[in-house]
Amino acid sequence: MNQPATTPDLILRNGRFTTLDRANPTASAVAIAQGRFTKVGDDREVMALAGAGTRVIDLGGRSVLPGLIDNHLHIIRGGLNFNMELRWDGVRSLADAMAMLKAQVAVTPAPQWVRVVGGFTEHQFVEKRLPTLAELNAVAPDTPVFILHLYDRALLNGAALRAVGYGKDTPAPPGGEIVRDSAGNPTGLLLAKPNAAILYATLAKGPKLPHDYQVNSTRHFMRELNRLGVTGAIDAGGGMQNYPDDYDVIQELADADQLTIRLAYNLFTQKPQHEKEDFLNW
C-alpha cells in the first residue's frame, strides 16, 4: 500500500537548523516528502509524522546548511579525468607532494599521464616553492607529468614534452609561451601569456580514459562535490570542452537519473567563423 503523501520520505532529527522565522528561529528536526519540507520543528513533533517507510537520520547535534550552488565549475570536463588526477589539496610540504607524485608514477600505466590539475599553491608548502623541472624528471623519467599551477603556468617533465611533441622547432603558440633554454629547446615551463590557451591545448593532448571509466570518474567527481556540500552548479564550459563528444558522459548519467548535482551549463560555439551554423545545429 502506498503511504499517504503527508508521510515523510525523510526525517532529519537531533540537529541544529536556522529557520529564518523570527517567531521560531531554530529547530532540531525537519520532515521531507517528495523533495519538499513538510514540517520544521522539534524532534517530538516531527518524529510523530514518521511512517514505516520513512528514513530517519540522526544528525548527532550537527548544524545543517542548505546545499551550496556553485556558479562556476567545470564538472563536465573535470569529471572525465577526475579519477586519474593526483590531488595536492591541503598537502603541507613539497616533499610530501613529490612523494605522492613518485608513488602515483609507479602505478600509472603507459600511455597515461600523471596530472596535478590545480587545487594547490606553492604557498601551502613549507618550502614555499614549486617543484623544479629537474625534480620532476628525477621522479618520473619515463611517465609524462603535467602540473597546472592556477591558470598562470604549467610544468611538464621531459616525458610529457616528448608526448606532446614540443621541441626546438615547435612554433610559438598564439596564446601562451613555451619557455626555452639558450639553445631554443623547451624547458618544460608553459606560461599563460597573454592567455591560458597553451595550458588548455597541452592538457587536451593527453590520453583519455575509456568511456566506462569516464562515467565512473564523473560519478566520483560529483560525490566529492556532494561531500563538500555542493548540490547544484553552473558548468562554465570552455577550455577545449567540445560538443557533443565531451558531453556524452554527463548526458548518459542524466538519462539514467544518476546525476547527484543539479546542473546547468554554458555551451560555446566550436568552430571559428562558423558560429551561426553551430547555433542552428544546436
Protein backbone atom coordinates (compact mmCIF):
# COMPACT_ATOMS: atom_id res chain seq x y z
CA MET A 1 0.00 0.00 0.00
CA ASN A 2 1.31 3.45 -0.89
CA GLN A 3 1.96 5.78 2.00
CA PRO A 4 -0.11 8.95 2.19
CA ALA A 5 1.51 11.97 0.57
CA THR A 6 1.89 13.59 4.00
CA THR A 7 4.06 10.74 5.30
CA PRO A 8 7.69 11.92 5.14
CA ASP A 9 10.17 10.16 2.92
CA LEU A 10 12.97 11.50 5.12
CA ILE A 11 13.32 12.94 8.61
CA LEU A 12 16.45 14.67 9.87
CA ARG A 13 16.44 14.83 13.66
CA ASN A 14 18.68 15.81 16.57
CA GLY A 15 20.24 18.61 14.55
CA ARG A 16 20.51 22.37 14.51
CA PHE A 17 18.54 24.27 11.88
CA THR A 18 18.31 28.03 11.41
CA THR A 19 14.83 28.66 10.04
CA LEU A 20 14.92 32.45 9.39
CA ASP A 21 11.47 32.51 11.02
CA ARG A 22 11.58 35.22 13.68
CA ALA A 23 8.88 33.51 15.71
CA ASN A 24 10.73 30.16 15.69
CA PRO A 25 14.34 30.89 14.70
CA THR A 26 15.72 27.41 15.38
CA ALA A 27 14.58 23.82 15.03
CA SER A 28 16.04 20.39 15.74
CA ALA A 29 14.23 18.36 13.09
CA VAL A 30 12.66 18.55 9.64
CA ALA A 31 10.42 16.25 7.62
CA ILE A 32 10.73 15.98 3.83
CA ALA A 33 8.22 14.44 1.41
CA GLN A 34 8.55 14.35 -2.37
CA GLY A 35 11.53 16.71 -2.22
CA ARG A 36 9.81 19.39 -0.12
CA PHE A 37 9.88 20.33 3.54
CA THR A 38 6.59 19.36 5.15
CA LYS A 39 7.41 20.04 8.79
CA VAL A 40 10.03 22.02 10.71
CA GLY A 41 10.10 21.79 14.48
CA ASP A 42 11.40 19.81 17.43
CA ASP A 43 12.19 16.09 17.39
CA ARG A 44 8.98 15.07 19.13
CA GLU A 45 6.54 16.74 16.75
CA VAL A 46 8.45 15.84 13.60
CA MET A 47 9.02 12.20 14.58
CA ALA A 48 5.28 11.87 15.19
CA LEU A 49 4.85 12.04 11.40
CA ALA A 50 7.19 9.12 10.65
CA GLY A 51 5.78 6.15 8.78
CA ALA A 52 7.03 2.63 8.26
CA GLY A 53 8.93 3.66 5.14
CA THR A 54 10.38 6.90 6.45
CA ARG A 55 14.16 7.12 6.51
CA VAL A 56 15.37 8.75 9.72
CA ILE A 57 18.84 10.29 10.07
CA ASP A 58 20.19 11.23 13.50
CA LEU A 59 22.39 14.30 12.97
CA GLY A 60 24.14 13.98 16.31
CA GLY A 61 23.65 17.63 17.15
CA ARG A 62 25.34 18.91 14.00
CA SER A 63 24.28 22.05 12.16
CA VAL A 64 22.58 21.70 8.77
CA LEU A 65 23.22 24.08 5.89
CA PRO A 66 21.39 24.38 2.56
CA GLY A 67 23.14 22.77 -0.37
CA LEU A 68 25.68 25.06 -2.00
CA ILE A 69 25.19 26.20 -5.60
CA ASP A 70 28.47 27.00 -7.34
CA ASN A 71 28.10 29.39 -10.27
CA HIS A 72 31.40 28.48 -11.97
CA LEU A 73 32.58 24.88 -12.08
CA HIS A 74 33.88 22.52 -14.76
CA ILE A 75 32.03 19.35 -13.84
CA ILE A 76 31.54 18.12 -17.39
CA ARG A 77 35.18 18.13 -18.47
CA GLY A 78 36.63 17.77 -14.97
CA GLY A 79 34.65 14.63 -14.30
CA LEU A 80 36.08 12.86 -17.34
CA ASN A 81 39.57 12.77 -15.79
CA PHE A 82 38.95 13.18 -12.05
CA ASN A 83 39.87 9.61 -11.13
CA MET A 84 43.29 9.82 -12.73
CA GLU A 85 44.27 13.18 -11.25
CA LEU A 86 46.70 13.46 -8.37
CA ARG A 87 45.43 15.96 -5.83
CA TRP A 88 47.75 18.17 -3.80
CA ASP A 89 44.90 19.92 -1.98
CA GLY A 90 45.96 20.55 1.62
CA VAL A 91 49.37 18.88 1.30
CA ARG A 92 51.64 20.77 3.69
CA SER A 93 55.06 20.25 2.14
CA LEU A 94 56.59 19.94 -1.29
CA ALA A 95 58.49 16.90 -0.03
CA ASP A 96 55.19 15.15 0.69
CA ALA A 97 53.77 16.26 -2.66
CA MET A 98 56.76 14.83 -4.51
CA ALA A 99 56.48 11.57 -2.57
CA MET A 100 52.84 11.35 -3.67
CA LEU A 101 53.91 12.06 -7.24
CA LYS A 102 56.54 9.32 -7.15
CA ALA A 103 54.01 6.82 -5.80
CA GLN A 104 51.49 7.78 -8.49
CA VAL A 105 54.09 7.41 -11.23
CA ALA A 106 54.78 3.87 -10.02
CA VAL A 107 51.17 2.77 -10.60
CA THR A 108 50.34 4.77 -13.74
CA PRO A 109 50.26 2.55 -16.84
CA ALA A 110 51.53 3.77 -20.19
CA PRO A 111 50.47 5.85 -22.04
CA GLN A 112 48.56 7.65 -19.28
CA TRP A 113 49.93 10.81 -17.71
CA VAL A 114 50.16 11.85 -14.08
CA ARG A 115 48.22 15.11 -13.81
CA VAL A 116 48.02 17.61 -10.99
CA VAL A 117 45.34 19.94 -12.29
CA GLY A 118 45.24 22.93 -9.98
CA GLY A 119 43.78 22.97 -6.49
CA PHE A 120 47.06 23.93 -4.83
CA THR A 121 49.55 26.76 -4.48
CA GLU A 122 53.22 26.80 -3.56
CA HIS A 123 52.34 28.98 -0.57
CA GLN A 124 50.72 25.99 1.16
CA PHE A 125 54.07 24.18 1.18
CA VAL A 126 56.54 24.82 3.99
CA GLU A 127 59.20 25.17 1.28
CA LYS A 128 57.18 27.99 -0.37
CA ARG A 129 58.10 26.92 -3.88
CA LEU A 130 57.04 24.77 -6.81
CA PRO A 131 58.97 21.66 -7.83
CA THR A 132 61.80 22.22 -10.27
CA LEU A 133 61.77 20.57 -13.68
CA ALA A 134 64.84 18.59 -12.64
CA GLU A 135 62.94 17.24 -9.63
CA LEU A 136 60.04 16.18 -11.86
CA ASN A 137 62.38 14.40 -14.26
CA ALA A 138 64.10 12.62 -11.37
CA VAL A 139 60.89 11.03 -10.04
CA ALA A 140 59.30 10.47 -13.46
CA PRO A 141 61.92 9.86 -16.15
CA ASP A 142 59.54 7.97 -18.45
CA THR A 143 55.97 8.81 -17.35
CA PRO A 144 54.53 12.11 -18.62
CA VAL A 145 53.78 14.56 -15.80
CA PHE A 146 51.64 17.68 -16.23
CA ILE A 147 51.29 20.07 -13.29
CA LEU A 148 48.91 23.02 -13.64
CA HIS A 149 49.55 25.93 -11.29
CA LEU A 150 46.41 28.04 -11.08
CA TYR A 151 45.83 29.38 -14.60
CA ASP A 152 49.20 31.05 -14.99
CA ARG A 153 51.61 28.22 -15.81
CA ALA A 154 52.17 24.52 -16.24
CA LEU A 155 55.18 22.30 -15.61
CA LEU A 156 55.93 19.38 -17.93
CA ASN A 157 58.67 16.84 -17.41
CA GLY A 158 60.77 15.57 -20.29
CA ALA A 159 58.47 12.62 -20.94
CA ALA A 160 55.49 14.96 -21.25
CA LEU A 161 57.36 17.22 -23.67
CA ARG A 162 58.09 14.19 -25.81
CA ALA A 163 54.47 13.02 -25.59
CA VAL A 164 53.06 16.33 -26.82
CA GLY A 165 55.81 16.82 -29.39
CA TYR A 166 57.17 20.13 -28.15
CA GLY A 167 60.72 20.59 -29.45
CA LYS A 168 63.18 23.13 -30.74
CA ASP A 169 61.24 23.56 -33.98
CA THR A 170 57.81 23.95 -32.35
CA PRO A 171 56.50 27.41 -33.31
CA ALA A 172 55.48 29.86 -30.62
CA PRO A 173 51.77 29.36 -29.85
CA PRO A 174 49.34 32.25 -30.42
CA GLY A 175 48.04 32.10 -26.85
CA GLY A 176 50.81 31.49 -24.33
CA GLU A 177 54.54 30.92 -24.18
CA ILE A 178 56.72 27.83 -24.36
CA VAL A 179 59.75 28.80 -22.27
CA ARG A 180 63.02 27.77 -23.92
CA ASP A 181 66.65 27.43 -22.89
CA SER A 182 69.56 29.23 -24.53
CA ALA A 183 69.63 26.62 -27.30
CA GLY A 184 65.94 27.09 -28.09
CA ASN A 185 64.77 23.82 -26.55
CA PRO A 186 61.58 23.83 -24.45
CA THR A 187 62.39 23.67 -20.75
CA GLY A 188 59.02 22.25 -19.71
CA LEU A 189 57.60 25.52 -18.40
CA LEU A 190 54.49 26.87 -20.14
CA LEU A 191 53.26 30.38 -19.35
CA ALA A 192 49.75 31.71 -19.84
CA LYS A 193 50.80 34.92 -21.56
CA PRO A 194 48.63 36.57 -22.84
CA ASN A 195 46.06 33.86 -22.06
CA ALA A 196 45.76 30.25 -20.93
CA ALA A 197 45.16 28.72 -24.37
CA ILE A 198 48.52 26.91 -24.34
CA LEU A 199 47.66 25.29 -20.99
CA TYR A 200 44.28 24.03 -22.22
CA ALA A 201 45.66 22.87 -25.55
CA THR A 202 48.54 20.97 -23.96
CA LEU A 203 46.36 19.23 -21.38
CA ALA A 204 43.94 18.23 -24.15
CA LYS A 205 46.76 16.32 -25.87
CA GLY A 206 46.80 13.76 -23.06
CA PRO A 207 45.19 10.34 -23.49
CA LYS A 208 41.59 9.96 -22.42
CA LEU A 209 40.10 7.30 -20.19
CA PRO A 210 37.86 4.67 -21.79
CA HIS A 211 34.18 5.66 -21.81
CA ASP A 212 33.13 3.43 -18.90
CA TYR A 213 35.96 4.82 -16.80
CA GLN A 214 34.88 8.36 -17.67
CA VAL A 215 31.37 7.59 -16.47
CA ASN A 216 32.69 6.22 -13.17
CA SER A 217 35.12 9.13 -12.84
CA THR A 218 32.30 11.65 -13.27
CA ARG A 219 30.25 9.88 -10.60
CA HIS A 220 33.19 10.14 -8.20
CA PHE A 221 33.69 13.82 -9.01
CA MET A 222 30.05 14.60 -8.24
CA ARG A 223 30.24 12.63 -4.99
CA GLU A 224 33.31 14.60 -3.95
CA LEU A 225 31.44 17.83 -4.62
CA ASN A 226 28.48 16.49 -2.65
CA ARG A 227 30.85 15.72 0.24
CA LEU A 228 31.87 19.37 0.23
CA GLY A 229 28.22 20.48 0.31
CA VAL A 230 27.71 21.29 -3.37
CA THR A 231 24.30 20.21 -4.69
CA GLY A 232 23.96 22.49 -7.73
CA ALA A 233 26.30 24.12 -10.21
CA ILE A 234 26.67 26.03 -13.45
CA ASP A 235 29.24 24.43 -15.73
CA ALA A 236 31.22 27.24 -17.33
CA GLY A 237 32.31 25.24 -20.39
CA GLY A 238 35.24 26.48 -22.45
CA GLY A 239 38.80 25.20 -22.16
CA MET A 240 38.80 22.72 -25.06
CA GLN A 241 35.43 21.34 -23.92
CA ASN A 242 33.98 20.10 -27.19
CA TYR A 243 30.36 19.44 -28.09
CA PRO A 244 28.99 16.84 -28.43
CA ASP A 245 31.82 14.41 -27.58
CA ASP A 246 32.70 15.75 -24.12
CA TYR A 247 29.01 15.96 -23.18
CA ASP A 248 28.18 12.30 -23.87
CA VAL A 249 29.07 11.09 -20.37
CA ILE A 250 27.09 13.72 -18.47
CA GLN A 251 24.13 13.15 -20.80
CA GLU A 252 24.31 9.40 -20.19
CA LEU A 253 24.25 9.94 -16.42
CA ALA A 254 21.35 12.38 -16.75
CA ASP A 255 19.38 9.91 -18.87
CA ALA A 256 19.97 7.24 -16.22
CA ASP A 257 18.87 9.64 -13.43
CA GLN A 258 22.31 9.31 -11.83
CA LEU A 259 23.26 12.97 -11.50
CA THR A 260 23.80 13.87 -7.85
CA ILE A 261 24.15 17.57 -8.71
CA ARG A 262 21.60 19.84 -10.36
CA LEU A 263 23.48 21.08 -13.39
CA ALA A 264 23.09 23.94 -15.83
CA TYR A 265 25.79 24.53 -18.39
CA ASN A 266 27.13 27.06 -20.85
CA LEU A 267 27.78 25.88 -24.40
CA PHE A 268 30.32 27.63 -26.57
CA THR A 269 30.48 27.73 -30.33
CA GLN A 270 33.01 25.20 -31.56
CA LYS A 271 34.32 26.39 -34.92
CA PRO A 272 35.68 29.91 -35.51
CA GLN A 273 33.80 31.72 -38.28
CA HIS A 274 31.07 29.06 -38.18
CA GLU A 275 29.26 30.27 -35.07
CA LYS A 276 25.90 30.67 -36.80
CA GLU A 277 25.98 27.07 -38.06
CA ASP A 278 26.77 25.85 -34.54
CA PHE A 279 23.79 27.69 -33.08
CA LEU A 280 21.49 26.37 -35.81
CA ASN A 281 22.71 22.80 -35.27
CA TRP A 282 22.00 23.02 -31.54
